[in-house]
């Protein structure tokens, strides 16, 4: 399974970014997909996940600002991040789970700074 994430970069506080993660090599429509992040010196934490049925779960810290979505026709999951804060600075990892199979993407760096 390959998870190719893109869309990270440098953005000012209050700005927006959209992350994408394209999956290949495994069933997509039945999978749980999501995003985690890891800030320097911190543990990896859940940002948002979306089930195969479209049920979405968000970390409290991003509720109302981030939106996760999936396009099963494109085998891609997205994370729209609005009103970004400096605390959102982290490496963002794409996550795939189906039964006992779990995979992580390589991560894409998001830096929120003025």
C-alpha atoms as a PDB file:
ATOM      1  CA  UNK A   1       0.000   0.000   0.000  1.00  0.00           C
ATOM      2  CA  UNK A   2       1.275   3.444  -0.896  1.00  0.00           C
ATOM      3  CA  UNK A   3      -0.045   6.653   0.601  1.00  0.00           C
ATOM      4  CA  UNK A   4       1.135   9.759  -1.205  1.00  0.00           C
ATOM      5  CA  UNK A   5       0.441  12.935   0.723  1.00  0.00           C
ATOM      6  CA  UNK A   6       0.775  16.438  -0.638  1.00  0.00           C
ATOM      7  CA  UNK A   7      -0.307  19.996   0.025  1.00  0.00           C
ATOM      8  CA  UNK A   8       1.806  20.987   3.004  1.00  0.00           C
ATOM      9  CA  UNK A   9       3.727  24.213   3.149  1.00  0.00           C
ATOM     10  CA  UNK A  10       4.197  27.529   4.879  1.00  0.00           C
ATOM     11  CA  UNK A  11       1.137  29.623   5.640  1.00  0.00           C
ATOM     12  CA  UNK A  12       0.436  32.632   7.810  1.00  0.00           C
ATOM     13  CA  UNK A  13      -1.843  32.411  10.842  1.00  0.00           C
ATOM     14  CA  UNK A  14      -5.452  32.614   9.733  1.00  0.00           C
ATOM     15  CA  UNK A  15      -4.649  31.108   6.364  1.00  0.00           C
ATOM     16  CA  UNK A  16      -5.772  27.888   4.718  1.00  0.00           C
ATOM     17  CA  UNK A  17      -4.232  24.786   3.218  1.00  0.00           C
ATOM     18  CA  UNK A  18      -5.643  21.615   1.727  1.00  0.00           C
ATOM     19  CA  UNK A  19      -3.854  18.326   2.164  1.00  0.00           C
ATOM     20  CA  UNK A  20      -4.414  15.392  -0.169  1.00  0.00           C
ATOM     21  CA  UNK A  21      -3.533  11.745   0.232  1.00  0.00           C
ATOM     22  CA  UNK A  22      -3.789   9.342  -2.667  1.00  0.00           C
ATOM     23  CA  UNK A  23      -3.868   5.651  -1.818  1.00  0.00           C
ATOM     24  CA  UNK A  24      -2.874   2.803  -4.080  1.00  0.00           C
ATOM     25  CA  UNK A  25      -2.398  -0.912  -3.743  1.00  0.00           C
ATOM     26  CA  UNK A  26      -5.283  -1.621  -1.366  1.00  0.00           C
ATOM     27  CA  UNK A  27      -9.057  -1.448  -1.247  1.00  0.00           C
ATOM     28  CA  UNK A  28     -10.043   2.143  -0.611  1.00  0.00           C
ATOM     29  CA  UNK A  29     -13.799   2.517  -0.408  1.00  0.00           C
ATOM     30  CA  UNK A  30     -14.091   0.126   2.552  1.00  0.00           C
ATOM     31  CA  UNK A  31     -11.220   1.641   4.503  1.00  0.00           C
ATOM     32  CA  UNK A  32     -11.003   4.018   7.385  1.00  0.00           C
ATOM     33  CA  UNK A  33      -8.928   7.010   6.291  1.00  0.00           C
ATOM     34  CA  UNK A  34      -7.556   9.821   8.312  1.00  0.00           C
ATOM     35  CA  UNK A  35      -4.929  12.332   9.252  1.00  0.00           C
ATOM     36  CA  UNK A  36      -2.660  12.440  12.257  1.00  0.00           C
ATOM     37  CA  UNK A  37      -0.024  15.007  13.082  1.00  0.00           C
ATOM     38  CA  UNK A  38       3.142  15.236  15.116  1.00  0.00           C
ATOM     39  CA  UNK A  39       4.610  18.481  16.328  1.00  0.00           C
ATOM     40  CA  UNK A  40       8.282  18.741  17.360  1.00  0.00           C
ATOM     41  CA  UNK A  41       8.791  17.077  20.720  1.00  0.00           C
ATOM     42  CA  UNK A  42       5.216  15.853  20.855  1.00  0.00           C
ATOM     43  CA  UNK A  43       3.482  12.537  20.323  1.00  0.00           C
ATOM     44  CA  UNK A  44       1.555  11.813  17.182  1.00  0.00           C
ATOM     45  CA  UNK A  45      -2.091  12.734  17.604  1.00  0.00           C
ATOM     46  CA  UNK A  46      -5.297  12.202  15.714  1.00  0.00           C
ATOM     47  CA  UNK A  47      -6.541  15.124  13.656  1.00  0.00           C
ATOM     48  CA  UNK A  48      -9.500  13.646  11.792  1.00  0.00           C
ATOM     49  CA  UNK A  49     -10.744  10.337  10.433  1.00  0.00           C
ATOM     50  CA  UNK A  50     -13.545   9.361   8.072  1.00  0.00           C
ATOM     51  CA  UNK A  51     -15.098   5.921   7.911  1.00  0.00           C
ATOM     52  CA  UNK A  52     -16.116   4.057   4.778  1.00  0.00           C
ATOM     53  CA  UNK A  53     -19.654   5.207   5.497  1.00  0.00           C
ATOM     54  CA  UNK A  54     -18.663   8.848   5.724  1.00  0.00           C
ATOM     55  CA  UNK A  55     -18.763   9.266   9.491  1.00  0.00           C
ATOM     56  CA  UNK A  56     -16.213  11.878  10.531  1.00  0.00           C
ATOM     57  CA  UNK A  57     -14.393  12.356  13.803  1.00  0.00           C
ATOM     58  CA  UNK A  58     -12.260  15.362  14.696  1.00  0.00           C
ATOM     59  CA  UNK A  59      -9.879  16.319  17.445  1.00  0.00           C
ATOM     60  CA  UNK A  60     -11.394  19.013  19.636  1.00  0.00           C
ATOM     61  CA  UNK A  61      -8.565  21.355  18.720  1.00  0.00           C
ATOM     62  CA  UNK A  62      -9.552  21.405  15.031  1.00  0.00           C
ATOM     63  CA  UNK A  63     -13.342  21.177  15.188  1.00  0.00           C
ATOM     64  CA  UNK A  64     -14.958  23.939  13.185  1.00  0.00           C
ATOM     65  CA  UNK A  65     -11.723  24.743  11.358  1.00  0.00           C
ATOM     66  CA  UNK A  66     -10.731  21.518   9.577  1.00  0.00           C
ATOM     67  CA  UNK A  67     -12.830  19.351   7.281  1.00  0.00           C
ATOM     68  CA  UNK A  68     -11.972  15.830   6.213  1.00  0.00           C
ATOM     69  CA  UNK A  69     -13.459  14.348   3.055  1.00  0.00           C
ATOM     70  CA  UNK A  70     -12.883  11.419   0.754  1.00  0.00           C
ATOM     71  CA  UNK A  71     -13.340  10.725  -2.929  1.00  0.00           C
ATOM     72  CA  UNK A  72     -13.606   6.992  -3.432  1.00  0.00           C
ATOM     73  CA  UNK A  73     -13.489   7.368  -7.218  1.00  0.00           C
ATOM     74  CA  UNK A  74     -10.040   8.923  -6.883  1.00  0.00           C
ATOM     75  CA  UNK A  75      -8.851   6.841  -3.892  1.00  0.00           C
ATOM     76  CA  UNK A  76      -8.053  10.115  -2.175  1.00  0.00           C
ATOM     77  CA  UNK A  77      -8.694  11.649   1.206  1.00  0.00           C
ATOM     78  CA  UNK A  78      -8.495  15.386   1.817  1.00  0.00           C
ATOM     79  CA  UNK A  79      -8.031  17.653   4.789  1.00  0.00           C
ATOM     80  CA  UNK A  80      -9.189  21.220   4.330  1.00  0.00           C
ATOM     81  CA  UNK A  81      -7.572  23.353   7.008  1.00  0.00           C
ATOM     82  CA  UNK A  82      -8.914  26.842   7.615  1.00  0.00           C
ATOM     83  CA  UNK A  83      -8.119  29.511  10.188  1.00  0.00           C
ATOM     84  CA  UNK A  84      -4.769  27.928  10.808  1.00  0.00           C
ATOM     85  CA  UNK A  85      -2.948  28.649  14.053  1.00  0.00           C
ATOM     86  CA  UNK A  86       0.707  28.427  14.978  1.00  0.00           C
ATOM     87  CA  UNK A  87      -0.205  25.417  17.145  1.00  0.00           C
ATOM     88  CA  UNK A  88      -1.197  23.568  13.963  1.00  0.00           C
ATOM     89  CA  UNK A  89       2.443  23.446  12.900  1.00  0.00           C
ATOM     90  CA  UNK A  90       3.359  19.774  12.555  1.00  0.00           C
ATOM     91  CA  UNK A  91       4.106  16.967  10.174  1.00  0.00           C
ATOM     92  CA  UNK A  92       0.777  15.617   8.967  1.00  0.00           C
ATOM     93  CA  UNK A  93       0.494  11.895   8.259  1.00  0.00           C
ATOM     94  CA  UNK A  94      -2.085  10.145   6.160  1.00  0.00           C
ATOM     95  CA  UNK A  95      -3.552   7.012   7.753  1.00  0.00           C
ATOM     96  CA  UNK A  96      -5.175   3.941   6.229  1.00  0.00           C
ATOM     97  CA  UNK A  97      -6.893   1.135   8.097  1.00  0.00           C
ATOM     98  CA  UNK A  98      -8.854  -1.858   6.911  1.00  0.00           C
ATOM     99  CA  UNK A  99      -9.300  -4.657   9.423  1.00  0.00           C
ATOM    100  CA  UNK A 100      -5.841  -5.576  10.678  1.00  0.00           C
ATOM    101  CA  UNK A 101      -4.046  -3.619   7.962  1.00  0.00           C
ATOM    102  CA  UNK A 102      -2.749  -0.196   8.947  1.00  0.00           C
ATOM    103  CA  UNK A 103      -0.477   1.999   6.868  1.00  0.00           C
ATOM    104  CA  UNK A 104       0.997   5.451   7.212  1.00  0.00           C
ATOM    105  CA  UNK A 105       2.095   7.931   4.614  1.00  0.00           C
ATOM    106  CA  UNK A 106       5.458   9.637   4.839  1.00  0.00           C
ATOM    107  CA  UNK A 107       4.101  12.893   6.137  1.00  0.00           C
ATOM    108  CA  UNK A 108       3.846  16.406   4.844  1.00  0.00           C
ATOM    109  CA  UNK A 109       5.053  19.419   6.798  1.00  0.00           C
ATOM    110  CA  UNK A 110       2.658  22.221   7.634  1.00  0.00           C
ATOM    111  CA  UNK A 111       4.226  25.349   9.085  1.00  0.00           C
ATOM    112  CA  UNK A 112       2.029  28.152  10.341  1.00  0.00           C
ATOM    113  CA  UNK A 113       4.085  31.246  10.946  1.00  0.00           C
ATOM    114  CA  UNK A 114       4.088  34.958  10.291  1.00  0.00           C
END
